[in-house]
């Protein structure tokens, strides 16, 4: 039986709610403030999530697949959907990490094309 360990990185907050974002397949957990993006979570915990445009919805390199908690993210907007059309390995659960703001615990997977190993 294979076991996995989960690395947790916490970000200190002054006020407000915090939530967990788990990144698969590396099984790293970040704690973020309500309203921060998945990209913010990745940067806070050292997950290398590419973002060639600097996180301004001008590319699709921060593409992630939401495994749990799609309803705890801000809805997709038209500009994000247009950019997602350019992403590799697109699924119905795909989001851009720079655009998906967190309002509850979520689990996301970095597709192979996004991972830098």
Protein backbone atom coordinates (compact mmCIF):
# COMPACT_ATOMS: atom_id res chain seq x y z
CA UNK A 1 0.00 0.00 0.00
CA UNK A 2 1.43 3.33 -1.06
CA UNK A 3 1.28 6.24 1.34
CA UNK A 4 1.53 9.89 0.51
CA UNK A 5 2.67 12.74 2.64
CA UNK A 6 1.13 16.12 2.40
CA UNK A 7 3.23 19.24 2.71
CA UNK A 8 1.35 22.17 4.25
CA UNK A 9 2.43 25.78 3.87
CA UNK A 10 0.52 28.38 5.84
CA UNK A 11 0.41 32.06 5.01
CA UNK A 12 -0.06 34.39 7.94
CA UNK A 13 -3.22 36.45 7.73
CA UNK A 14 -4.30 39.48 9.71
CA UNK A 15 -8.05 39.15 9.31
CA UNK A 16 -10.61 37.29 7.27
CA UNK A 17 -11.29 33.72 6.31
CA UNK A 18 -8.67 31.33 5.04
CA UNK A 19 -9.08 28.24 2.90
CA UNK A 20 -6.97 25.31 1.74
CA UNK A 21 -5.87 24.70 -1.83
CA UNK A 22 -4.36 21.26 -2.46
CA UNK A 23 -2.17 20.85 -5.55
CA UNK A 24 -1.98 17.43 -7.18
CA UNK A 25 -0.06 15.32 -8.09
CA UNK A 26 2.54 16.77 -5.71
CA UNK A 27 0.04 16.77 -2.81
CA UNK A 28 1.06 20.21 -1.53
CA UNK A 29 -1.44 22.19 0.52
CA UNK A 30 -1.53 25.99 0.70
CA UNK A 31 -3.58 28.19 2.98
CA UNK A 32 -4.86 31.37 1.32
CA UNK A 33 -7.02 34.32 2.22
CA UNK A 34 -10.56 34.38 0.91
CA UNK A 35 -10.58 35.93 -2.56
CA UNK A 36 -6.99 35.11 -3.46
CA UNK A 37 -6.40 33.20 -6.68
CA UNK A 38 -5.20 29.66 -7.22
CA UNK A 39 -2.07 31.23 -8.71
CA UNK A 40 -1.56 33.18 -5.46
CA UNK A 41 -1.90 29.90 -3.54
CA UNK A 42 0.71 28.23 -5.77
CA UNK A 43 3.16 31.07 -5.30
CA UNK A 44 2.59 31.09 -1.52
CA UNK A 45 3.59 27.43 -1.15
CA UNK A 46 6.29 27.09 -3.78
CA UNK A 47 4.29 25.17 -6.40
CA UNK A 48 5.74 26.05 -9.79
CA UNK A 49 2.60 27.02 -11.71
CA UNK A 50 3.67 28.73 -14.95
CA UNK A 51 2.13 32.13 -15.70
CA UNK A 52 3.87 33.57 -18.73
CA UNK A 53 1.64 36.66 -18.87
CA UNK A 54 2.19 37.57 -15.24
CA UNK A 55 -1.28 36.45 -14.18
CA UNK A 56 -3.39 38.88 -16.22
CA UNK A 57 -5.44 36.40 -18.30
CA UNK A 58 -3.39 36.92 -21.46
CA UNK A 59 -2.25 33.29 -21.88
CA UNK A 60 -3.26 29.82 -20.71
CA UNK A 61 -0.06 28.61 -19.04
CA UNK A 62 -1.58 28.62 -15.52
CA UNK A 63 -4.24 26.08 -16.56
CA UNK A 64 -5.36 23.77 -13.74
CA UNK A 65 -8.04 21.09 -13.48
CA UNK A 66 -10.39 21.48 -10.51
CA UNK A 67 -10.90 18.09 -8.86
CA UNK A 68 -12.97 19.32 -5.88
CA UNK A 69 -14.58 22.64 -5.08
CA UNK A 70 -15.54 24.17 -8.43
CA UNK A 71 -18.50 25.75 -6.62
CA UNK A 72 -16.08 27.42 -4.18
CA UNK A 73 -14.36 29.42 -6.93
CA UNK A 74 -15.49 32.56 -8.71
CA UNK A 75 -17.39 31.77 -11.92
CA UNK A 76 -15.57 31.77 -15.26
CA UNK A 77 -15.93 34.92 -17.30
CA UNK A 78 -15.87 35.21 -21.08
CA UNK A 79 -12.23 36.33 -21.30
CA UNK A 80 -11.09 33.32 -19.23
CA UNK A 81 -13.16 30.96 -21.41
CA UNK A 82 -11.54 32.43 -24.54
CA UNK A 83 -8.06 31.83 -23.09
CA UNK A 84 -8.94 28.34 -21.92
CA UNK A 85 -9.76 27.43 -25.52
CA UNK A 86 -6.00 27.66 -26.15
CA UNK A 87 -5.04 25.37 -23.24
CA UNK A 88 -3.73 21.84 -23.75
CA UNK A 89 -5.64 18.95 -22.11
CA UNK A 90 -8.74 21.08 -21.62
CA UNK A 91 -11.55 19.55 -19.52
CA UNK A 92 -14.95 20.73 -18.29
CA UNK A 93 -13.24 21.39 -14.94
CA UNK A 94 -10.41 23.50 -16.36
CA UNK A 95 -9.69 26.93 -14.93
CA UNK A 96 -6.94 29.51 -15.22
CA UNK A 97 -5.16 29.74 -11.90
CA UNK A 98 -4.80 33.50 -12.22
CA UNK A 99 -8.54 34.03 -12.62
CA UNK A 100 -10.09 31.50 -10.22
CA UNK A 101 -10.54 33.22 -6.83
CA UNK A 102 -10.91 30.94 -3.81
CA UNK A 103 -13.99 31.10 -1.53
CA UNK A 104 -13.68 27.64 0.06
CA UNK A 105 -11.39 24.61 0.16
CA UNK A 106 -10.41 23.29 -3.28
CA UNK A 107 -8.29 20.55 -4.83
CA UNK A 108 -6.65 21.18 -8.19
CA UNK A 109 -4.44 19.14 -10.47
CA UNK A 110 -1.70 20.51 -12.66
CA UNK A 111 -2.06 18.82 -16.05
CA UNK A 112 1.11 17.26 -17.45
CA UNK A 113 1.56 20.11 -19.92
CA UNK A 114 1.63 22.61 -17.00
CA UNK A 115 4.03 20.73 -14.70
CA UNK A 116 7.68 21.68 -14.57
CA UNK A 117 9.48 18.74 -13.03
